[in-house]
Amino acid sequence: MIWILYKNMLMLFSAVLLNFILGTIIYIIWKLLGRLAESKGYVEINYWIWKIVLLAFLCPVGIIVLFGIKKKGLYGFDFWYANKIRILLTVLGIVWFIGSVIRAFIYMKKMHQMHKMLQKGRKCQPEIIKKKQQICCELGQKNNIDIVKHKGIKIPMAYGIFHRRIVLPEIEYSEEEIDIILHHELIHHKHHDLLWKEIFMMVHITYWFHPGMKDLIRQLDQWGEAYCDRTASYYIESMKTYFNVIIDIATEEKECNTYCMGLCENSELLVLRMKRMQSYLNKKPLKRITAVSLMLIIFGISSITVAASTIGFAKGYVYVADQTMDEESVIETEKVIDYKIDRKEKIRSQKREGIEVIKQGAIIPDVNDAGILDLKLKAKERIETKKKYIDKKKGKEIEISVSTGLEEDHVSKKIAIGIIEPNGKERYIEEGRNLWHGFKINKSGDYVIFIENYGEKDVDISGYCSVNPYITKEEDKKFEESNN
C-alpha cells in the first residue's frame, strides 16, 4: 500500500508543477495583452481576464490533457520509473508541502483573529440599516448582509462569504458619505469579490513559492475596485463626489487584508482608478458581439496554452527520463528476458489457504491501455485489483507480465498470476521468477487480476497488465507466418 500512496503523492505534486507552468504562461500572456484591454477601457473584460489567470493555477486541465495524451500512447508519464527524477520530485514535494502547511497556518490564524475581533462589533444606527436595505433593493441584492461598527478598524470594509457583513469604523459619516460607502461595499458583495479573495488564498497556499503571487492579488484588487467603480457609476449621480469620498477615506489605510474588501488605497492607485474610470466613461459601451468575441479569444488562447504547455511538459519529461535513466534499469541486449514461456493454465474454485488478501485501489486498465505493476509482495500475501466489467466483443484477452528479479537458482519462485472470472473461478499460472500469460476472456462480466506470493520470502514485483482486443499468441503466429 505504501507504493500506491507514494505514486499518488508524486502525481499530486506533478499536477501542481504542471499547473504552475500553465498558470505562469497564462499570467505572462495576459500581463502583456491586458494592457490593450485597459487602453480600450474594457474594465469588466480585464477583471475576468485576471479571474481566468487565477483559475488556471487551480483547474487540473493540464493533468487531464496529459492523461489523454498518455492514453493515446504518445508520451510516457511515469515519474517513479526514472530514479533521479523520482528523488528530485520527492525532495521538492516535501519542501512544497511544508511551505503550504506554513502558509495555510498563517492564513487561518489571521482569519481567526479577524473573525474573533468582528464578534465584538456593535449594531449600527437604525437610519444606516434602513439605508442599507434601500440600497440592497436598488442593486437587486438580497437583504441578508449585516452591518456593524467596530472601534478596531479605520476604514469601511466588506467581509465574509457565507455570513456577509459590512463593517464601519466608529466615525460619524455624513448622509452622502454613508450612501457612497454602502453602495461601494454592497457592490463588492454583489460581485462576489470576497469569494475570489478566498480562491486566491487557496492559490497562494498551493503556490507560495511563485514570485508573481503578489502581483496577481494586486491586479485582482485593482481591477475589482475599477469594476466596482464602473458599477457604482450607474447608481451614483456625481462620480466626482464619489471619488472625493473614496479619497478621503481610502488614504486612512494603505493596505487591505487579503480576506476582506476595504476602502484602502495609496494615492498612486487612486489616481490609476480615476484614470481607468475616465477611460471607461469616454469610450462607447462595449457591444455584446465584441464582448463575446473577446471572451472567445481569451478562452481560445488559454486552451492553446493548455495544450502546448502540456505537450511540452510531456516531451520534457521523456527527454529528462532518457538522459537520467539509471544504467541498472536498462536491460542489456545480451540478457533479454523471454517472458513468453508457454505455461498451462490451472483452475481452482477457491483461494489458496493461509494467504492474506489485500484489495488495492488499482483497477484493470481499459482496452488498448496498460497498467504498471510495481510493488513488494510479502510472504503469504496476495494483491487483487478492483472488479472491472469487460465486454467480450471489445476485450479478447487479459495479459499479465511480471518479473521478480530473482536469480535463476533462487529457492523462492512461488509466485502466481491470474484472473478471477465472473463465476468466481480462478485461472492462473505459477512457479517462476518471470511470468507471462494471456488469459482468454470467455464471456463478458466482472474480472479481477491477482498476483500471489505463496512462498516464505518477500519478493519485489514489476511488470504490466493490459486488456487486449486480440489473442496475443494468435497474433504472434500470424506475424511469424507473414514473415515466412
Protein backbone atom coordinates (compact mmCIF):
# COMPACT_ATOMS: atom_id res chain seq x y z
CA MET A 1 0.00 0.00 0.00
CA ILE A 2 2.97 2.34 0.56
CA TRP A 3 3.89 2.30 -3.12
CA ILE A 4 0.32 3.35 -4.03
CA LEU A 5 0.48 6.28 -1.59
CA TYR A 6 3.94 7.18 -2.90
CA LYS A 7 2.72 7.25 -6.51
CA ASN A 8 -0.34 9.33 -5.62
CA MET A 9 1.82 11.87 -3.76
CA LEU A 10 4.14 12.15 -6.76
CA MET A 11 1.16 12.52 -9.07
CA LEU A 12 -0.27 15.30 -6.86
CA PHE A 13 2.98 17.24 -6.94
CA SER A 14 3.27 16.61 -10.69
CA ALA A 15 -0.20 18.17 -11.10
CA VAL A 16 0.88 21.18 -9.00
CA LEU A 17 4.05 21.50 -11.10
CA LEU A 18 2.10 21.33 -14.36
CA ASN A 19 -0.50 23.87 -13.17
CA PHE A 20 2.38 26.11 -12.05
CA ILE A 21 3.75 26.08 -15.61
CA LEU A 22 0.31 26.57 -17.17
CA GLY A 23 -0.73 29.37 -14.79
CA THR A 24 2.59 31.17 -15.23
CA ILE A 25 2.34 31.10 -19.04
CA ILE A 26 -1.23 32.47 -18.99
CA TYR A 27 -0.19 35.04 -16.35
CA ILE A 28 2.62 36.35 -18.60
CA ILE A 29 0.38 36.39 -21.72
CA TRP A 30 -2.40 38.38 -20.03
CA LYS A 31 0.05 40.63 -18.23
CA LEU A 32 1.03 41.82 -21.72
CA LEU A 33 -2.33 41.67 -23.52
CA GLY A 34 -4.22 43.11 -20.55
CA ARG A 35 -2.69 46.49 -21.30
CA LEU A 36 -4.53 46.54 -24.62
CA ALA A 37 -7.88 45.90 -22.90
CA GLU A 38 -7.02 48.61 -20.34
CA SER A 39 -6.28 51.17 -23.06
CA LYS A 40 -9.70 50.44 -24.57
CA GLY A 41 -11.45 50.97 -21.23
CA TYR A 42 -12.74 47.39 -21.03
CA VAL A 43 -12.86 47.17 -17.23
CA GLU A 44 -15.10 44.11 -16.91
CA ILE A 45 -13.17 42.16 -19.55
CA ASN A 46 -9.87 42.87 -17.81
CA TYR A 47 -11.26 41.77 -14.44
CA TRP A 48 -12.43 38.48 -15.98
CA ILE A 49 -9.03 38.00 -17.62
CA TRP A 50 -7.37 38.00 -14.20
CA LYS A 51 -10.00 35.66 -12.81
CA ILE A 52 -9.16 33.21 -15.62
CA VAL A 53 -5.46 33.57 -14.79
CA LEU A 54 -6.27 32.76 -11.15
CA LEU A 55 -8.33 29.69 -12.08
CA ALA A 56 -5.54 28.47 -14.39
CA PHE A 57 -3.50 27.76 -11.25
CA LEU A 58 -6.28 25.62 -9.74
CA CYS A 59 -8.09 23.80 -12.55
CA PRO A 60 -6.31 20.48 -13.28
CA VAL A 61 -6.83 20.87 -17.03
CA GLY A 62 -3.21 20.14 -17.84
CA ILE A 63 -3.05 16.85 -15.94
CA ILE A 64 -6.31 15.71 -17.59
CA VAL A 65 -4.93 16.54 -21.05
CA LEU A 66 -1.69 14.78 -20.12
CA PHE A 67 -3.50 11.57 -19.24
CA GLY A 68 -5.37 11.83 -22.54
CA ILE A 69 -2.02 12.10 -24.32
CA LYS A 70 -0.66 9.15 -22.38
CA LYS A 71 -3.73 7.06 -23.17
CA LYS A 72 -3.04 7.50 -26.88
CA GLY A 73 0.49 6.26 -26.29
CA LEU A 74 2.24 9.46 -27.41
CA TYR A 75 4.39 10.08 -24.33
CA GLY A 76 5.34 8.38 -21.11
CA PHE A 77 4.40 9.86 -17.77
CA ASP A 78 5.71 7.59 -15.05
CA PHE A 79 8.00 9.67 -12.85
CA TRP A 80 8.57 6.79 -10.47
CA TYR A 81 10.48 4.77 -13.09
CA ALA A 82 13.20 7.38 -13.72
CA ASN A 83 15.03 7.16 -10.41
CA LYS A 84 16.73 10.58 -10.45
CA ILE A 85 13.50 12.37 -11.40
CA ARG A 86 11.68 10.49 -8.66
CA ILE A 87 14.21 11.51 -5.99
CA LEU A 88 14.22 15.14 -7.15
CA LEU A 89 10.42 15.36 -7.18
CA THR A 90 10.23 13.70 -3.76
CA VAL A 91 12.57 16.31 -2.22
CA LEU A 92 10.78 19.20 -3.95
CA GLY A 93 7.41 17.73 -2.96
CA ILE A 94 8.38 17.62 0.73
CA VAL A 95 9.63 21.23 0.65
CA TRP A 96 6.45 22.33 -1.17
CA PHE A 97 4.20 20.51 1.32
CA ILE A 98 5.92 22.07 4.36
CA GLY A 99 5.68 25.54 2.79
CA SER A 100 1.98 25.06 2.01
CA VAL A 101 1.23 23.94 5.57
CA ILE A 102 3.02 27.02 6.98
CA ARG A 103 1.19 29.36 4.58
CA ALA A 104 -2.18 27.75 5.42
CA PHE A 105 -1.47 28.12 9.16
CA ILE A 106 -0.66 31.84 8.73
CA TYR A 107 -3.89 32.47 6.80
CA MET A 108 -6.05 30.50 9.22
CA LYS A 109 -4.54 32.33 12.20
CA LYS A 110 -5.22 35.76 10.64
CA MET A 111 -8.77 34.81 9.67
CA HIS A 112 -9.45 33.52 13.18
CA GLN A 113 -8.15 36.77 14.68
CA MET A 114 -10.27 38.83 12.29
CA HIS A 115 -13.39 36.76 12.97
CA LYS A 116 -12.84 36.97 16.73
CA MET A 117 -12.37 40.75 16.54
CA LEU A 118 -15.52 41.33 14.48
CA GLN A 119 -17.64 39.43 17.01
CA LYS A 120 -17.21 42.44 19.30
CA GLY A 121 -18.79 44.83 16.80
CA ARG A 122 -21.99 46.69 17.69
CA LYS A 123 -25.09 47.31 15.60
CA CYS A 124 -25.35 50.49 13.55
CA GLN A 125 -27.99 53.17 13.94
CA PRO A 126 -31.47 52.34 12.54
CA GLU A 127 -31.16 55.01 9.81
CA ILE A 128 -27.96 53.35 8.47
CA ILE A 129 -29.63 49.92 8.49
CA LYS A 130 -32.64 51.39 6.68
CA LYS A 131 -30.33 52.99 4.10
CA LYS A 132 -28.60 49.65 3.58
CA GLN A 133 -31.94 47.94 2.95
CA GLN A 134 -32.87 50.62 0.43
CA ILE A 135 -29.59 50.23 -1.50
CA CYS A 136 -29.88 46.42 -1.45
CA CYS A 137 -33.25 46.76 -3.15
CA GLU A 138 -31.78 49.23 -5.66
CA LEU A 139 -28.89 46.86 -6.54
CA GLY A 140 -31.10 43.78 -6.69
CA GLN A 141 -29.12 42.37 -3.77
CA LYS A 142 -30.59 40.13 -1.07
CA ASN A 143 -31.03 41.90 2.24
CA ASN A 144 -29.03 39.29 4.18
CA ILE A 145 -25.92 41.38 4.81
CA ASP A 146 -25.32 42.57 8.38
CA ILE A 147 -23.85 46.00 9.02
CA VAL A 148 -21.89 46.67 12.23
CA LYS A 149 -19.49 49.21 13.72
CA HIS A 150 -16.14 48.40 15.30
CA LYS A 151 -13.63 50.65 17.01
CA GLY A 152 -10.70 48.44 15.96
CA ILE A 153 -10.82 49.36 12.26
CA LYS A 154 -10.00 52.61 10.45
CA ILE A 155 -11.84 52.15 7.16
CA PRO A 156 -15.16 50.63 5.96
CA MET A 157 -14.85 47.08 4.65
CA ALA A 158 -16.83 44.17 3.25
CA TYR A 159 -16.20 40.81 4.91
CA GLY A 160 -17.45 37.22 4.73
CA ILE A 161 -18.78 34.80 2.12
CA PHE A 162 -21.49 32.87 3.95
CA HIS A 163 -22.13 35.31 6.81
CA ARG A 164 -21.69 38.52 4.84
CA ARG A 165 -21.08 41.79 6.63
CA ILE A 166 -20.20 45.43 6.15
CA VAL A 167 -18.01 46.78 8.95
CA LEU A 168 -17.79 50.52 9.61
CA PRO A 169 -15.32 52.32 11.90
CA GLU A 170 -16.52 54.33 14.89
CA ILE A 171 -16.65 57.51 12.82
CA GLU A 172 -19.65 59.74 12.14
CA TYR A 173 -20.15 60.00 8.38
CA SER A 174 -22.47 62.38 6.58
CA GLU A 175 -25.56 61.05 4.83
CA GLU A 176 -23.85 61.48 1.44
CA GLU A 177 -20.74 59.62 2.61
CA ILE A 178 -22.82 56.76 4.04
CA ASP A 179 -24.69 56.47 0.74
CA ILE A 180 -21.43 56.17 -1.25
CA ILE A 181 -19.78 53.82 1.26
CA LEU A 182 -22.76 51.44 1.34
CA HIS A 183 -23.07 51.45 -2.45
CA HIS A 184 -19.37 50.63 -2.77
CA GLU A 185 -19.27 47.79 -0.22
CA LEU A 186 -22.60 46.25 -1.28
CA ILE A 187 -21.40 46.20 -4.91
CA HIS A 188 -18.34 44.22 -3.74
CA HIS A 189 -20.72 41.67 -2.21
CA LYS A 190 -22.84 41.69 -5.37
CA HIS A 191 -19.73 40.93 -7.49
CA HIS A 192 -18.69 38.11 -5.10
CA ASP A 193 -15.26 39.73 -4.74
CA LEU A 194 -14.79 38.13 -1.31
CA LEU A 195 -15.20 34.68 -2.88
CA TRP A 196 -12.43 35.48 -5.36
CA LYS A 197 -10.28 36.56 -2.44
CA GLU A 198 -10.77 33.13 -0.86
CA ILE A 199 -9.91 31.43 -4.16
CA PHE A 200 -6.72 33.47 -4.26
CA MET A 201 -5.91 32.30 -0.74
CA MET A 202 -6.13 28.69 -1.95
CA VAL A 203 -3.85 29.50 -4.88
CA HIS A 204 -1.36 31.31 -2.63
CA ILE A 205 -1.27 28.39 -0.20
CA THR A 206 -0.54 25.99 -3.07
CA TYR A 207 1.88 28.23 -4.98
CA TRP A 208 3.51 30.11 -2.11
CA PHE A 209 6.83 29.94 -3.97
CA HIS A 210 5.52 31.73 -7.10
CA PRO A 211 7.12 35.20 -7.48
CA GLY A 212 4.03 36.56 -9.27
CA MET A 213 1.51 35.91 -6.48
CA LYS A 214 1.74 39.42 -5.01
CA ASP A 215 1.23 40.97 -8.42
CA LEU A 216 -1.72 38.64 -9.09
CA ILE A 217 -3.61 39.70 -5.95
CA ARG A 218 -2.73 43.33 -6.73
CA GLN A 219 -4.22 43.00 -10.22
CA LEU A 220 -7.36 41.32 -8.85
CA ASP A 221 -7.75 44.05 -6.21
CA GLN A 222 -7.17 46.91 -8.63
CA TRP A 223 -9.48 45.62 -11.33
CA GLY A 224 -12.05 44.54 -8.75
CA GLU A 225 -12.10 48.11 -7.46
CA ALA A 226 -12.27 49.50 -11.02
CA TYR A 227 -15.18 47.17 -11.81
CA CYS A 228 -16.86 48.29 -8.59
CA ASP A 229 -16.36 51.95 -9.59
CA ARG A 230 -17.82 51.24 -13.01
CA THR A 231 -20.94 49.63 -11.49
CA ALA A 232 -21.27 52.45 -8.95
CA SER A 233 -21.38 54.96 -11.81
CA TYR A 234 -24.82 53.56 -12.73
CA TYR A 235 -26.24 54.49 -9.30
CA ILE A 236 -24.21 57.49 -8.09
CA GLU A 237 -25.20 60.86 -9.54
CA SER A 238 -21.79 62.53 -9.31
CA MET A 239 -18.62 60.45 -9.81
CA LYS A 240 -16.62 63.49 -8.73
CA THR A 241 -18.30 63.39 -5.32
CA TYR A 242 -17.89 59.60 -5.28
CA PHE A 243 -14.12 59.78 -5.74
CA ASN A 244 -13.77 62.68 -3.30
CA VAL A 245 -15.33 60.50 -0.59
CA ILE A 246 -13.22 57.49 -1.65
CA ILE A 247 -10.02 59.58 -1.49
CA ASP A 248 -10.85 61.00 1.96
CA ILE A 249 -11.50 57.53 3.39
CA ALA A 250 -9.05 55.32 1.49
CA THR A 251 -5.89 57.20 2.46
CA GLU A 252 -6.53 56.31 6.12
CA GLU A 253 -5.21 52.78 5.44
CA LYS A 254 -2.53 51.99 2.84
CA GLU A 255 -3.12 48.25 2.51
CA CYS A 256 -6.09 45.91 2.94
CA ASN A 257 -6.14 42.35 4.26
CA THR A 258 -6.27 39.53 1.74
CA TYR A 259 -9.57 38.26 3.17
CA CYS A 260 -11.64 41.47 3.01
CA MET A 261 -12.52 44.30 0.60
CA GLY A 262 -11.87 47.70 2.15
CA LEU A 263 -11.62 51.32 1.11
CA CYS A 264 -7.83 51.42 1.36
CA GLU A 265 -5.51 52.63 -1.41
CA ASN A 266 -2.40 54.75 -1.72
CA SER A 267 -2.58 57.96 -3.75
CA GLU A 268 -0.99 56.43 -6.88
CA LEU A 269 -3.56 53.64 -7.09
CA LEU A 270 -6.41 56.07 -6.51
CA VAL A 271 -5.18 58.16 -9.44
CA LEU A 272 -4.96 54.98 -11.54
CA ARG A 273 -8.56 54.07 -10.62
CA MET A 274 -9.79 57.51 -11.64
CA LYS A 275 -7.90 57.32 -14.94
CA ARG A 276 -9.44 53.92 -15.67
CA MET A 277 -12.88 55.24 -14.80
CA GLN A 278 -12.36 58.26 -17.06
CA SER A 279 -11.20 55.96 -19.87
CA TYR A 280 -14.32 53.83 -19.41
CA LEU A 281 -16.67 56.85 -19.40
CA ASN A 282 -15.06 58.26 -22.56
CA LYS A 283 -15.43 55.02 -24.51
CA LYS A 284 -18.53 53.80 -26.26
CA PRO A 285 -20.28 50.91 -24.49
CA LEU A 286 -18.82 47.56 -25.45
CA LYS A 287 -21.10 45.83 -27.94
CA ARG A 288 -22.27 42.38 -26.96
CA ILE A 289 -20.73 40.75 -30.05
CA THR A 290 -17.40 42.43 -29.25
CA ALA A 291 -17.51 41.25 -25.64
CA VAL A 292 -18.32 37.69 -26.72
CA SER A 293 -15.53 37.79 -29.32
CA LEU A 294 -13.01 38.99 -26.75
CA MET A 295 -14.01 36.27 -24.29
CA LEU A 296 -13.74 33.62 -27.03
CA ILE A 297 -10.25 34.90 -27.86
CA ILE A 298 -9.34 34.68 -24.17
CA PHE A 299 -10.59 31.09 -23.89
CA GLY A 300 -9.01 30.19 -27.25
CA ILE A 301 -5.57 31.43 -26.28
CA SER A 302 -5.90 29.79 -22.86
CA SER A 303 -6.86 26.44 -24.48
CA ILE A 304 -3.91 26.60 -26.88
CA THR A 305 -1.67 27.41 -23.93
CA VAL A 306 -3.01 24.38 -22.03
CA ALA A 307 -2.32 22.03 -24.94
CA ALA A 308 1.10 23.50 -25.80
CA SER A 309 2.39 23.60 -22.22
CA THR A 310 1.11 20.08 -21.51
CA ILE A 311 2.70 18.55 -24.61
CA GLY A 312 5.92 20.45 -23.89
CA PHE A 313 5.83 19.17 -20.31
CA ALA A 314 5.38 15.58 -21.52
CA LYS A 315 8.18 15.87 -24.10
CA GLY A 316 10.43 17.45 -21.49
CA TYR A 317 9.78 14.56 -19.12
CA VAL A 318 10.63 11.99 -21.80
CA TYR A 319 13.89 13.79 -22.60
CA VAL A 320 14.95 14.10 -18.95
CA ALA A 321 13.93 10.50 -18.24
CA ASP A 322 16.05 9.27 -21.16
CA GLN A 323 19.04 11.35 -20.04
CA THR A 324 18.87 10.31 -16.37
CA MET A 325 17.86 6.66 -16.66
CA ASP A 326 19.96 4.53 -14.32
CA GLU A 327 22.28 2.06 -16.01
CA GLU A 328 20.99 -0.81 -13.93
CA SER A 329 17.45 -0.13 -15.16
CA VAL A 330 18.48 -0.59 -18.81
CA ILE A 331 18.28 -4.19 -19.97
CA GLU A 332 21.41 -5.28 -21.79
CA THR A 333 20.74 -6.74 -25.21
CA GLU A 334 22.61 -9.96 -24.50
CA LYS A 335 20.42 -10.60 -21.44
CA VAL A 336 16.96 -10.17 -22.91
CA ILE A 337 14.39 -11.98 -20.81
CA ASP A 338 11.86 -14.11 -22.65
CA TYR A 339 8.69 -13.95 -20.59
CA LYS A 340 6.55 -15.77 -23.10
CA ILE A 341 7.21 -19.28 -21.86
CA ASP A 342 4.18 -21.38 -22.59
CA ARG A 343 2.63 -22.43 -19.29
CA LYS A 344 -0.50 -24.40 -18.80
CA GLU A 345 -3.34 -22.64 -17.02
CA LYS A 346 -4.59 -24.03 -13.74
CA ILE A 347 -8.14 -23.61 -12.44
CA ARG A 348 -9.46 -23.56 -8.89
CA SER A 349 -12.76 -22.62 -7.31
CA GLN A 350 -11.38 -21.03 -4.12
CA LYS A 351 -8.36 -19.09 -2.92
CA ARG A 352 -5.26 -20.77 -1.56
CA GLU A 353 -5.43 -21.25 2.22
CA GLY A 354 -3.15 -19.29 4.52
CA ILE A 355 -2.79 -16.35 2.14
CA GLU A 356 -3.59 -12.78 3.22
CA VAL A 357 -5.64 -10.99 0.55
CA ILE A 358 -5.12 -7.25 0.02
CA LYS A 359 -7.64 -5.48 -2.20
CA GLN A 360 -5.94 -2.40 -3.63
CA GLY A 361 -7.42 0.67 -5.28
CA ALA A 362 -5.98 -0.13 -8.71
CA ILE A 363 -8.34 -1.22 -11.46
CA ILE A 364 -7.82 -3.23 -14.62
CA PRO A 365 -6.86 -0.85 -17.46
CA ASP A 366 -9.12 -0.13 -20.42
CA VAL A 367 -8.77 -1.95 -23.73
CA ASN A 368 -5.54 -0.98 -25.53
CA ASP A 369 -4.14 0.60 -22.38
CA ALA A 370 -1.55 -0.75 -19.94
CA GLY A 371 -1.40 -0.73 -16.17
CA ILE A 372 2.02 -0.65 -14.49
CA LEU A 373 2.83 -3.15 -11.74
CA ASP A 374 5.44 -2.08 -9.20
CA LEU A 375 5.02 -3.50 -5.72
CA LYS A 376 6.50 -5.52 -2.89
CA LEU A 377 4.71 -8.75 -2.03
CA LYS A 378 5.27 -10.07 1.45
CA ALA A 379 5.41 -13.78 2.10
CA LYS A 380 1.96 -15.41 2.04
CA GLU A 381 0.40 -12.26 0.58
CA ARG A 382 -1.83 -11.71 -2.42
CA ILE A 383 -2.89 -8.47 -4.09
CA GLU A 384 -6.14 -8.10 -6.04
CA THR A 385 -7.39 -5.27 -8.26
CA LYS A 386 -10.91 -3.88 -8.15
CA LYS A 387 -13.53 -5.58 -10.29
CA LYS A 388 -13.87 -4.31 -13.85
CA TYR A 389 -16.52 -5.15 -16.42
CA ILE A 390 -15.03 -6.40 -19.69
CA ASP A 391 -17.09 -6.78 -22.85
CA LYS A 392 -16.02 -9.92 -24.68
CA LYS A 393 -16.59 -8.20 -28.04
CA LYS A 394 -14.05 -5.49 -27.19
CA GLY A 395 -11.57 -7.27 -24.93
CA LYS A 396 -10.37 -10.71 -26.02
CA GLU A 397 -7.57 -11.28 -23.51
CA ILE A 398 -6.15 -10.13 -20.17
CA GLU A 399 -2.37 -10.07 -20.49
CA ILE A 400 -0.18 -10.14 -17.37
CA SER A 401 3.61 -9.98 -17.30
CA VAL A 402 5.73 -9.85 -14.13
CA SER A 403 9.39 -10.08 -13.22
CA THR A 404 10.69 -10.79 -9.73
CA GLY A 405 14.36 -10.02 -10.35
CA LEU A 406 15.30 -13.28 -8.62
CA GLU A 407 18.29 -15.29 -9.75
CA GLU A 408 17.77 -18.43 -11.82
CA ASP A 409 18.70 -20.73 -8.93
CA HIS A 410 16.78 -18.80 -6.26
CA VAL A 411 14.86 -21.09 -3.95
CA SER A 412 11.76 -18.88 -3.72
CA LYS A 413 9.88 -18.78 -7.03
CA LYS A 414 6.46 -19.41 -5.60
CA ILE A 415 4.68 -16.66 -7.48
CA ALA A 416 1.29 -16.96 -9.19
CA ILE A 417 -0.51 -14.57 -11.55
CA GLY A 418 -4.09 -14.94 -12.68
CA ILE A 419 -7.64 -13.69 -13.01
CA ILE A 420 -10.91 -14.24 -11.18
CA GLU A 421 -13.76 -14.86 -13.62
CA PRO A 422 -17.35 -13.59 -13.21
CA ASN A 423 -18.37 -17.01 -11.81
CA GLY A 424 -15.72 -16.79 -9.08
CA LYS A 425 -13.35 -19.39 -10.51
CA GLU A 426 -9.66 -18.58 -10.66
CA ARG A 427 -7.44 -19.19 -13.69
CA TYR A 428 -3.72 -18.80 -13.06
CA ILE A 429 -0.16 -19.85 -13.80
CA GLU A 430 2.59 -20.24 -11.20
CA GLU A 431 6.18 -21.21 -10.36
CA GLY A 432 8.69 -18.91 -11.99
CA ARG A 433 10.82 -15.83 -11.44
CA ASN A 434 9.41 -14.28 -14.65
CA LEU A 435 5.80 -14.99 -15.61
CA TRP A 436 3.81 -14.03 -18.68
CA HIS A 437 0.40 -15.19 -19.81
CA GLY A 438 -2.57 -14.10 -21.87
CA PHE A 439 -5.83 -15.18 -20.21
CA LYS A 440 -8.55 -15.54 -22.83
CA ILE A 441 -11.86 -13.87 -21.96
CA ASN A 442 -14.60 -16.45 -22.44
CA LYS A 443 -17.60 -14.29 -21.59
CA SER A 444 -18.49 -10.71 -20.69
CA GLY A 445 -18.55 -9.84 -16.98
CA ASP A 446 -16.61 -8.54 -13.99
CA TYR A 447 -12.98 -9.63 -13.80
CA VAL A 448 -10.24 -9.29 -11.17
CA ILE A 449 -6.46 -9.59 -11.61
CA PHE A 450 -4.38 -11.07 -8.79
CA ILE A 451 -0.69 -11.62 -8.02
CA GLU A 452 0.18 -14.06 -5.27
CA ASN A 453 3.33 -14.85 -3.29
CA TYR A 454 2.78 -18.20 -1.62
CA GLY A 455 6.46 -18.60 -0.72
CA GLU A 456 8.28 -17.89 2.53
CA LYS A 457 10.16 -14.72 1.47
CA ASP A 458 9.21 -11.20 0.40
CA VAL A 459 9.50 -10.52 -3.33
CA ASP A 460 9.69 -7.31 -5.40
CA ILE A 461 7.33 -7.43 -8.39
CA SER A 462 7.43 -5.27 -11.51
CA GLY A 463 5.64 -5.60 -14.84
CA TYR A 464 2.39 -4.68 -16.53
CA CYS A 465 -1.16 -5.82 -17.22
CA SER A 466 -3.42 -4.96 -20.13
CA VAL A 467 -6.69 -5.85 -21.83
CA ASN A 468 -6.07 -6.70 -25.49
CA PRO A 469 -8.58 -6.64 -28.37
CA TYR A 470 -6.82 -9.76 -29.71
CA ILE A 471 -5.27 -13.05 -28.56
CA THR A 472 -1.51 -12.48 -28.27
CA LYS A 473 -0.45 -15.99 -29.30
CA GLU A 474 -2.71 -15.88 -32.35
CA GLU A 475 -1.25 -12.50 -33.35
CA ASP A 476 2.30 -13.80 -32.87
CA LYS A 477 1.52 -16.82 -35.02
CA LYS A 478 0.10 -14.63 -37.80
CA PHE A 479 3.20 -12.42 -37.63
CA GLU A 480 5.54 -15.40 -37.92
CA GLU A 481 3.57 -16.81 -40.86
CA SER A 482 3.65 -13.46 -42.67
CA ASN A 483 7.44 -13.32 -42.34
CA ASN A 484 8.00 -16.86 -43.66
